[in-house]
Amino acid sequence: MRYKPLLVALMLALLVEHAPRAHAARPALPFVCSSARQVMVHIDSILPRRDSTWDAPPVGRMFKYECHTALGRDANSEWILVPFGTTHAWVHRNDVRFADGSDISQLPLVERVPQSRVSVPASLPGIPAISPRVRQMYQQAVRTGRDPDMIAVVGDCNAEPPVFFGRLAAGAVNLSAHPELARIAQRFRRAFARLGVATNGGFNTASPLDPLWSDPKQCNRNEPPLDCELRLSNASLVVVSLGTGDTFTWREFEANYRAVIERILAAKAVPLLMTKADALESLEGGAPPDHINNVIRRLGAQYGLPVIDYAQAARLLPNNGLVTEYDDNLRARTPFHVDALGADVRLIMLLQTLNALGTPAPQSTRQPALSRQPLRRR
């Protein structure tokens, strides 16, 4: 029993170590917004919601020091409605800061979310022409058993669900200027609502081919994320949205990107390539200007694949369709995260590409595969 006091002391120390602590008050950040009608995000990042509840789907991502116009509040004075891309989003009052002397109670009550007046022009640069060969590849993918209405994505931080497919799944993109695209969005709704396994905020172009990045709960042992996604989704189409993570590995980008394309083609699916709006590899990594986008365009031409050239359309957007971010000393960082309007432009470009691709012929009218009978000698 001589060890009992020591044991009691050890247990007390553990209780003290794991006892709940009062959270320190969050230091007040300087309010950098230009108008007292705006609210400023004052934590590292938040996920705005489609509706004024935590159960609502996220429809994007906001970063510290971002400013958004406060349009109103919910009935419980918990949530604030702000314009976001081509629609609106709700942010929780604890995630944003008001100007000195302002608070949520001064905002008008929102009883009905207004229709957004922001829309994407009907004509955008960078929409690819779909060749007869690509349509034939799509038909062949379906003929081999791939799902004609399933599209997967392999990508980095700008392809994660809240800022890409998830915005369409949540109905957070204003398609009023594109009525012909509503049918396409409905047709691929299962794909947009699905959480894939080949997209991760930390991905560079080598990551989708590396089993170390695979989800062990869904992927087989030694199965790379891209192979796992192709198997789980059975997608006939795959958006390749990579390059932002290759800031310092841009010299290996072409070889890795080519390997991604060929892995998708080997699985009898059709790659849809997409350029990016940022210039990280040249601004921070020492690459030639527009190096990665030029590689994407060149490989698209070489393989005869569609290239959704978002970089062209992004030049028409404020700040190139990218979020303006700051460090804790209010120094501007090199932008690379797509903002809400940029995300909507990318999605509309994707829907326009899918619309141009068309619908594969019904099973009953598809041409049967050529028989492999031996050639007869004359």
Protein backbone atom coordinates (compact mmCIF):
# COMPACT_ATOMS: atom_id res chain seq x y z
CA MET A 1 0.00 0.00 0.00
CA ARG A 2 3.06 2.24 0.12
CA TYR A 3 2.37 3.18 -3.54
CA LYS A 4 -1.17 4.39 -2.83
CA PRO A 5 -0.26 8.06 -2.14
CA LEU A 6 1.79 8.14 -5.33
CA LEU A 7 -1.11 6.63 -7.28
CA VAL A 8 -3.57 9.15 -5.84
CA ALA A 9 -1.22 12.02 -6.71
CA LEU A 10 -0.85 10.73 -10.25
CA MET A 11 -4.64 10.47 -10.69
CA LEU A 12 -5.12 14.01 -9.38
CA ALA A 13 -2.49 15.29 -11.80
CA LEU A 14 -4.27 13.59 -14.70
CA LEU A 15 -7.62 15.05 -13.63
CA VAL A 16 -6.12 18.54 -13.51
CA GLU A 17 -4.45 18.05 -16.89
CA HIS A 18 -7.70 17.00 -18.59
CA ALA A 19 -10.08 19.27 -16.70
CA PRO A 20 -12.08 21.62 -18.91
CA ARG A 21 -10.58 25.06 -19.18
CA ALA A 22 -12.30 28.34 -19.81
CA HIS A 23 -11.56 29.51 -23.35
CA ALA A 24 -9.44 32.61 -23.55
CA ALA A 25 -11.20 35.57 -25.04
CA ARG A 26 -10.53 35.86 -28.78
CA PRO A 27 -8.33 38.91 -29.41
CA ALA A 28 -10.11 41.56 -31.38
CA LEU A 29 -8.79 41.82 -34.93
CA PRO A 30 -8.70 45.20 -36.62
CA PHE A 31 -11.83 45.82 -38.67
CA VAL A 32 -10.47 46.25 -42.19
CA CYS A 33 -13.72 46.47 -44.14
CA SER A 34 -14.47 49.65 -46.05
CA SER A 35 -18.07 49.94 -44.86
CA ALA A 36 -19.85 49.60 -41.52
CA ARG A 37 -22.53 47.64 -43.41
CA GLN A 38 -20.05 44.81 -43.88
CA VAL A 39 -19.04 41.98 -41.60
CA MET A 40 -15.49 40.62 -41.45
CA VAL A 41 -14.46 36.99 -40.97
CA HIS A 42 -12.30 36.91 -37.86
CA ILE A 43 -11.20 33.27 -37.70
CA ASP A 44 -8.91 31.43 -40.10
CA SER A 45 -11.67 30.03 -42.32
CA ILE A 46 -15.38 29.30 -42.22
CA LEU A 47 -17.90 27.41 -44.34
CA PRO A 48 -20.92 29.60 -45.11
CA ARG A 49 -24.23 27.75 -45.30
CA ARG A 50 -27.13 27.63 -47.73
CA ASP A 51 -29.66 28.18 -44.94
CA SER A 52 -29.52 29.66 -41.44
CA THR A 53 -28.71 26.40 -39.64
CA TRP A 54 -25.62 24.30 -38.99
CA ASP A 55 -27.40 21.38 -40.65
CA ALA A 56 -27.56 23.22 -43.99
CA PRO A 57 -24.94 22.24 -46.58
CA PRO A 58 -21.83 24.41 -46.88
CA VAL A 59 -21.69 26.43 -50.10
CA GLY A 60 -18.14 27.72 -50.10
CA ARG A 61 -15.25 28.86 -47.98
CA MET A 62 -14.37 32.24 -46.44
CA PHE A 63 -11.05 33.34 -44.97
CA LYS A 64 -9.89 35.65 -42.21
CA TYR A 65 -10.29 39.37 -43.03
CA GLU A 66 -12.76 38.74 -45.86
CA CYS A 67 -15.50 41.39 -45.90
CA HIS A 68 -19.10 40.75 -46.95
CA THR A 69 -22.12 43.03 -47.01
CA ALA A 70 -24.60 42.17 -44.27
CA LEU A 71 -28.08 42.09 -45.82
CA GLY A 72 -30.05 40.94 -42.78
CA ARG A 73 -30.45 38.42 -39.97
CA ASP A 74 -32.57 35.39 -39.14
CA ALA A 75 -35.41 35.43 -36.60
CA ASN A 76 -33.13 34.19 -33.78
CA SER A 77 -30.42 36.78 -34.52
CA GLU A 78 -27.89 33.97 -34.91
CA TRP A 79 -27.18 34.08 -38.64
CA ILE A 80 -26.35 36.85 -41.12
CA LEU A 81 -27.24 36.79 -44.82
CA VAL A 82 -24.53 37.98 -47.23
CA PRO A 83 -24.17 38.05 -51.03
CA PHE A 84 -21.97 35.16 -52.14
CA GLY A 85 -21.09 34.45 -55.75
CA THR A 86 -24.23 34.38 -57.87
CA THR A 87 -26.51 33.73 -54.87
CA HIS A 88 -26.42 34.28 -51.08
CA ALA A 89 -25.04 32.51 -48.04
CA TRP A 90 -25.56 32.54 -44.28
CA VAL A 91 -22.69 33.06 -41.81
CA HIS A 92 -22.93 32.60 -38.04
CA ARG A 93 -22.57 35.72 -35.95
CA ASN A 94 -19.73 34.18 -33.89
CA ASP A 95 -17.60 33.74 -37.01
CA VAL A 96 -17.63 37.38 -38.08
CA ARG A 97 -16.92 40.77 -36.58
CA PHE A 98 -19.02 43.90 -36.88
CA ALA A 99 -17.76 47.44 -37.10
CA ASP A 100 -17.43 49.15 -33.72
CA GLY A 101 -20.85 50.21 -32.48
CA SER A 102 -22.72 47.77 -34.75
CA ASP A 103 -24.27 44.40 -33.96
CA ILE A 104 -26.63 41.86 -35.44
CA SER A 105 -29.71 43.33 -33.78
CA GLN A 106 -29.41 46.39 -36.03
CA LEU A 107 -29.86 44.31 -39.18
CA PRO A 108 -33.30 43.89 -40.77
CA LEU A 109 -35.06 40.57 -40.39
CA VAL A 110 -34.85 38.42 -43.53
CA GLU A 111 -38.20 36.69 -44.02
CA ARG A 112 -37.47 35.66 -47.60
CA VAL A 113 -34.08 35.45 -49.28
CA PRO A 114 -34.09 37.82 -52.27
CA GLN A 115 -33.22 36.74 -55.79
CA SER A 116 -29.61 37.54 -56.60
CA ARG A 117 -29.00 40.01 -59.40
CA VAL A 118 -25.53 38.57 -60.06
CA SER A 119 -25.24 36.14 -62.94
CA VAL A 120 -22.51 34.77 -65.17
CA PRO A 121 -22.56 35.97 -68.80
CA ALA A 122 -24.01 33.50 -71.27
CA SER A 123 -20.84 33.62 -73.37
CA LEU A 124 -17.53 32.85 -71.68
CA PRO A 125 -14.06 32.41 -73.16
CA GLY A 126 -12.40 29.07 -72.55
CA ILE A 127 -15.33 26.72 -73.30
CA PRO A 128 -13.86 23.79 -75.27
CA ALA A 129 -15.19 22.54 -78.58
CA ILE A 130 -16.20 18.88 -78.31
CA SER A 131 -14.80 16.82 -81.17
CA PRO A 132 -16.54 13.79 -82.69
CA ARG A 133 -13.69 11.67 -81.32
CA VAL A 134 -14.42 12.78 -77.74
CA ARG A 135 -18.11 12.02 -78.20
CA GLN A 136 -17.11 8.59 -79.46
CA MET A 137 -14.88 8.10 -76.40
CA TYR A 138 -17.85 8.99 -74.18
CA GLN A 139 -20.06 6.49 -76.01
CA GLN A 140 -17.37 3.86 -75.65
CA ALA A 141 -17.03 4.53 -71.91
CA VAL A 142 -20.75 3.92 -71.48
CA ARG A 143 -20.65 0.89 -73.76
CA THR A 144 -18.03 -0.70 -71.51
CA GLY A 145 -20.32 -0.26 -68.49
CA ARG A 146 -19.43 3.13 -67.09
CA ASP A 147 -22.23 5.34 -65.72
CA PRO A 148 -23.23 7.94 -68.37
CA ASP A 149 -24.55 10.33 -65.71
CA MET A 150 -21.64 10.12 -63.27
CA ILE A 151 -18.77 12.59 -63.32
CA ALA A 152 -15.89 12.40 -60.85
CA VAL A 153 -13.25 14.96 -59.96
CA VAL A 154 -9.58 14.61 -59.12
CA GLY A 155 -8.30 17.81 -57.63
CA ASP A 156 -6.79 20.00 -54.93
CA CYS A 157 -8.17 22.64 -52.53
CA ASN A 158 -10.11 24.41 -55.28
CA ALA A 159 -11.95 21.20 -56.18
CA GLU A 160 -13.14 20.26 -52.69
CA PRO A 161 -16.95 19.85 -52.41
CA PRO A 162 -17.87 23.15 -50.70
CA VAL A 163 -16.21 25.20 -53.45
CA PHE A 164 -16.94 22.98 -56.46
CA PHE A 165 -19.48 20.21 -56.93
CA GLY A 166 -21.13 20.91 -53.56
CA ARG A 167 -22.28 24.37 -54.69
CA LEU A 168 -24.31 22.78 -57.48
CA ALA A 169 -25.62 20.07 -55.17
CA ALA A 170 -26.83 22.74 -52.73
CA GLY A 171 -28.50 24.80 -55.45
CA ALA A 172 -26.11 27.66 -54.71
CA VAL A 173 -25.42 28.66 -58.32
CA ASN A 174 -27.70 31.10 -60.12
CA LEU A 175 -28.52 29.53 -63.51
CA SER A 176 -31.20 32.08 -64.46
CA ALA A 177 -29.08 33.33 -67.37
CA HIS A 178 -28.49 29.72 -68.48
CA PRO A 179 -31.88 27.96 -68.50
CA GLU A 180 -30.53 25.26 -70.82
CA LEU A 181 -28.07 24.20 -68.10
CA ALA A 182 -30.70 23.38 -65.46
CA ARG A 183 -31.40 20.08 -67.20
CA ILE A 184 -27.71 19.17 -67.18
CA ALA A 185 -27.38 20.06 -63.49
CA GLN A 186 -30.37 17.84 -62.74
CA ARG A 187 -29.04 14.99 -64.86
CA PHE A 188 -25.71 14.89 -62.99
CA ARG A 189 -27.18 15.65 -59.56
CA ARG A 190 -26.00 12.31 -58.08
CA ALA A 191 -22.44 13.12 -59.08
CA PHE A 192 -22.53 16.63 -57.63
CA ALA A 193 -23.85 15.36 -54.28
CA ARG A 194 -21.26 12.59 -54.00
CA LEU A 195 -18.13 12.90 -51.84
CA GLY A 196 -15.25 11.57 -53.90
CA VAL A 197 -11.95 10.17 -52.64
CA ALA A 198 -9.59 11.69 -55.25
CA THR A 199 -9.78 15.31 -54.07
CA ASN A 200 -7.85 16.76 -51.16
CA GLY A 201 -6.71 20.22 -50.16
CA GLY A 202 -3.12 19.03 -49.92
CA PHE A 203 -2.90 17.34 -53.32
CA ASN A 204 -0.26 18.05 -55.89
CA THR A 205 -0.29 16.18 -59.21
CA ALA A 206 1.56 13.17 -57.81
CA SER A 207 -0.86 12.66 -54.90
CA PRO A 208 -3.78 10.97 -56.76
CA LEU A 209 -1.33 8.28 -57.88
CA ASP A 210 0.09 7.66 -54.40
CA PRO A 211 -1.65 5.04 -52.18
CA LEU A 212 -0.47 6.92 -49.09
CA TRP A 213 -3.19 9.50 -49.85
CA SER A 214 -5.99 6.93 -50.10
CA ASP A 215 -8.88 6.65 -47.68
CA PRO A 216 -8.30 3.31 -45.90
CA LYS A 217 -12.01 2.97 -45.13
CA GLN A 218 -13.04 3.04 -48.79
CA CYS A 219 -9.98 2.06 -50.82
CA ASN A 220 -8.21 -1.25 -51.19
CA ARG A 221 -4.72 -1.76 -49.87
CA ASN A 222 -2.11 -0.11 -52.13
CA GLU A 223 -4.90 1.38 -54.28
CA PRO A 224 -4.15 5.01 -55.27
CA PRO A 225 -6.91 7.61 -54.73
CA LEU A 226 -7.53 7.99 -58.48
CA ASP A 227 -7.93 4.25 -59.03
CA CYS A 228 -10.17 4.05 -55.97
CA GLU A 229 -12.36 6.88 -57.22
CA LEU A 230 -12.68 5.35 -60.68
CA ARG A 231 -13.77 2.09 -59.09
CA LEU A 232 -16.17 3.52 -56.52
CA SER A 233 -17.85 6.10 -58.75
CA ASN A 234 -17.83 4.13 -62.01
CA ALA A 235 -17.73 7.59 -63.60
CA SER A 236 -17.65 7.93 -67.37
CA LEU A 237 -16.23 11.48 -67.10
CA VAL A 238 -13.46 12.79 -64.83
CA VAL A 239 -12.64 16.45 -64.26
CA VAL A 240 -8.90 16.93 -63.67
CA SER A 241 -8.48 20.11 -61.58
CA LEU A 242 -4.85 20.02 -60.42
CA GLY A 243 -1.85 22.33 -60.43
CA THR A 244 -2.28 24.76 -57.52
CA GLY A 245 -0.46 22.32 -55.24
CA ASP A 246 2.53 22.07 -57.60
CA THR A 247 4.07 25.41 -56.65
CA PHE A 248 7.48 23.87 -55.96
CA THR A 249 7.07 20.61 -57.89
CA TRP A 250 6.24 22.23 -61.23
CA ARG A 251 9.18 20.50 -62.93
CA GLU A 252 7.48 17.14 -62.36
CA PHE A 253 4.04 18.44 -63.24
CA GLU A 254 3.96 17.33 -66.88
CA ALA A 255 5.03 13.74 -66.18
CA ASN A 256 2.58 13.38 -63.29
CA TYR A 257 -0.28 15.04 -65.16
CA ARG A 258 0.32 12.80 -68.14
CA ALA A 259 0.20 9.77 -65.83
CA VAL A 260 -3.17 10.96 -64.44
CA ILE A 261 -4.58 11.33 -67.96
CA GLU A 262 -3.37 7.90 -69.04
CA ARG A 263 -4.70 6.24 -65.88
CA ILE A 264 -8.16 7.66 -66.60
CA LEU A 265 -8.01 6.64 -70.26
CA ALA A 266 -6.90 3.13 -69.30
CA ALA A 267 -10.01 2.86 -67.15
CA LYS A 268 -12.13 3.70 -70.25
CA ALA A 269 -13.27 7.04 -68.81
CA VAL A 270 -12.97 10.47 -70.46
CA PRO A 271 -10.74 13.14 -68.83
CA LEU A 272 -11.98 16.74 -68.90
CA LEU A 273 -8.97 18.97 -68.21
CA MET A 274 -9.24 22.32 -66.43
CA THR A 275 -6.76 25.19 -66.11
CA LYS A 276 -6.35 27.30 -62.98
CA ALA A 277 -6.50 31.02 -62.19
CA ASP A 278 -3.53 31.33 -59.83
CA ALA A 279 0.14 31.75 -60.76
CA LEU A 280 1.78 30.26 -57.67
CA GLU A 281 4.40 28.23 -59.54
CA SER A 282 5.79 31.37 -61.21
CA LEU A 283 5.25 33.90 -58.41
CA GLU A 284 6.66 31.67 -55.65
CA GLY A 285 8.19 28.60 -57.28
CA GLY A 286 10.37 30.14 -59.98
CA ALA A 287 8.58 28.60 -62.96
CA PRO A 288 8.15 30.37 -66.32
CA PRO A 289 4.94 32.44 -66.57
CA ASP A 290 1.76 30.35 -66.95
CA HIS A 291 3.86 27.19 -67.00
CA ILE A 292 1.28 24.77 -65.59
CA ASN A 293 -1.63 26.05 -67.66
CA ASN A 294 0.47 25.82 -70.79
CA VAL A 295 1.30 22.20 -69.98
CA ILE A 296 -2.41 21.44 -69.50
CA ARG A 297 -3.28 23.06 -72.83
CA ARG A 298 -0.48 21.24 -74.63
CA LEU A 299 -1.40 17.83 -73.22
CA GLY A 300 -5.05 18.45 -74.00
CA ALA A 301 -4.13 19.06 -77.63
CA GLN A 302 -1.78 16.08 -77.71
CA TYR A 303 -4.39 13.64 -76.37
CA GLY A 304 -7.30 15.31 -78.18
CA LEU A 305 -9.12 16.05 -74.91
CA PRO A 306 -11.38 18.98 -73.90
CA VAL A 307 -9.64 21.71 -71.91
CA ILE A 308 -11.97 23.88 -69.83
CA ASP A 309 -9.71 26.94 -69.86
CA TYR A 310 -10.91 28.63 -66.70
CA ALA A 311 -7.79 30.81 -66.69
CA GLN A 312 -9.15 32.67 -69.72
CA ALA A 313 -12.51 33.40 -68.09
CA ALA A 314 -10.88 34.30 -64.75
CA ARG A 315 -9.13 37.26 -66.39
CA LEU A 316 -12.56 38.93 -66.70
CA LEU A 317 -13.29 38.61 -62.96
CA PRO A 318 -12.27 40.90 -60.10
CA ASN A 319 -8.90 39.76 -58.70
CA ASN A 320 -8.81 36.97 -61.30
CA GLY A 321 -11.62 35.16 -59.46
CA LEU A 322 -9.39 34.61 -56.42
CA VAL A 323 -9.78 35.43 -52.74
CA THR A 324 -7.67 38.27 -51.35
CA GLU A 325 -6.04 36.88 -48.21
CA TYR A 326 -3.85 38.39 -45.49
CA ASP A 327 -1.54 37.08 -42.80
CA ASP A 328 -1.82 38.14 -39.15
CA ASN A 329 0.26 41.23 -39.90
CA LEU A 330 -2.20 42.24 -42.64
CA ARG A 331 0.33 41.52 -45.37
CA ALA A 332 -1.30 40.31 -48.58
CA ARG A 333 -0.61 36.69 -49.47
CA THR A 334 -0.21 35.38 -53.00
CA PRO A 335 -3.82 34.54 -53.95
CA PHE A 336 -4.72 31.00 -54.95
CA HIS A 337 -8.12 30.10 -53.46
CA VAL A 338 -11.00 30.52 -55.92
CA ASP A 339 -13.65 32.94 -54.66
CA ALA A 340 -17.41 32.35 -54.83
CA LEU A 341 -17.93 34.10 -58.17
CA GLY A 342 -14.93 32.28 -59.64
CA ALA A 343 -16.34 28.99 -58.39
CA ASP A 344 -19.65 29.71 -60.11
CA VAL A 345 -17.92 30.61 -63.37
CA ARG A 346 -16.00 27.32 -63.28
CA LEU A 347 -19.18 25.37 -62.62
CA ILE A 348 -21.09 27.05 -65.43
CA MET A 349 -18.17 26.37 -67.78
CA LEU A 350 -18.31 22.72 -66.73
CA LEU A 351 -22.09 22.53 -67.29
CA GLN A 352 -21.68 24.14 -70.71
CA THR A 353 -19.04 21.53 -71.57
CA LEU A 354 -21.33 18.72 -70.45
CA ASN A 355 -24.17 20.24 -72.46
CA ALA A 356 -21.99 20.32 -75.57
CA LEU A 357 -20.90 16.73 -74.96
CA GLY A 358 -24.50 15.56 -75.22
CA THR A 359 -26.19 12.41 -74.01
CA PRO A 360 -24.98 8.97 -75.04
CA ALA A 361 -27.36 7.03 -77.24
CA PRO A 362 -29.81 4.76 -75.39
CA GLN A 363 -28.64 1.20 -74.91
CA SER A 364 -31.05 -0.18 -77.51
CA THR A 365 -29.66 2.06 -80.25
CA ARG A 366 -25.97 1.81 -79.44
CA GLN A 367 -23.84 0.08 -81.98
CA PRO A 368 -22.66 -3.35 -80.83
CA ALA A 369 -18.95 -3.84 -80.33
CA LEU A 370 -17.13 -5.23 -83.35
CA SER A 371 -16.79 -9.00 -83.19
CA ARG A 372 -13.27 -10.34 -82.94
CA GLN A 373 -13.60 -13.05 -85.60
CA PRO A 374 -10.39 -14.18 -87.29
CA LEU A 375 -9.75 -12.78 -90.74
CA ARG A 376 -10.40 -15.19 -93.61
CA ARG A 377 -7.69 -15.88 -96.11
CA ARG A 378 -8.54 -15.30 -99.74
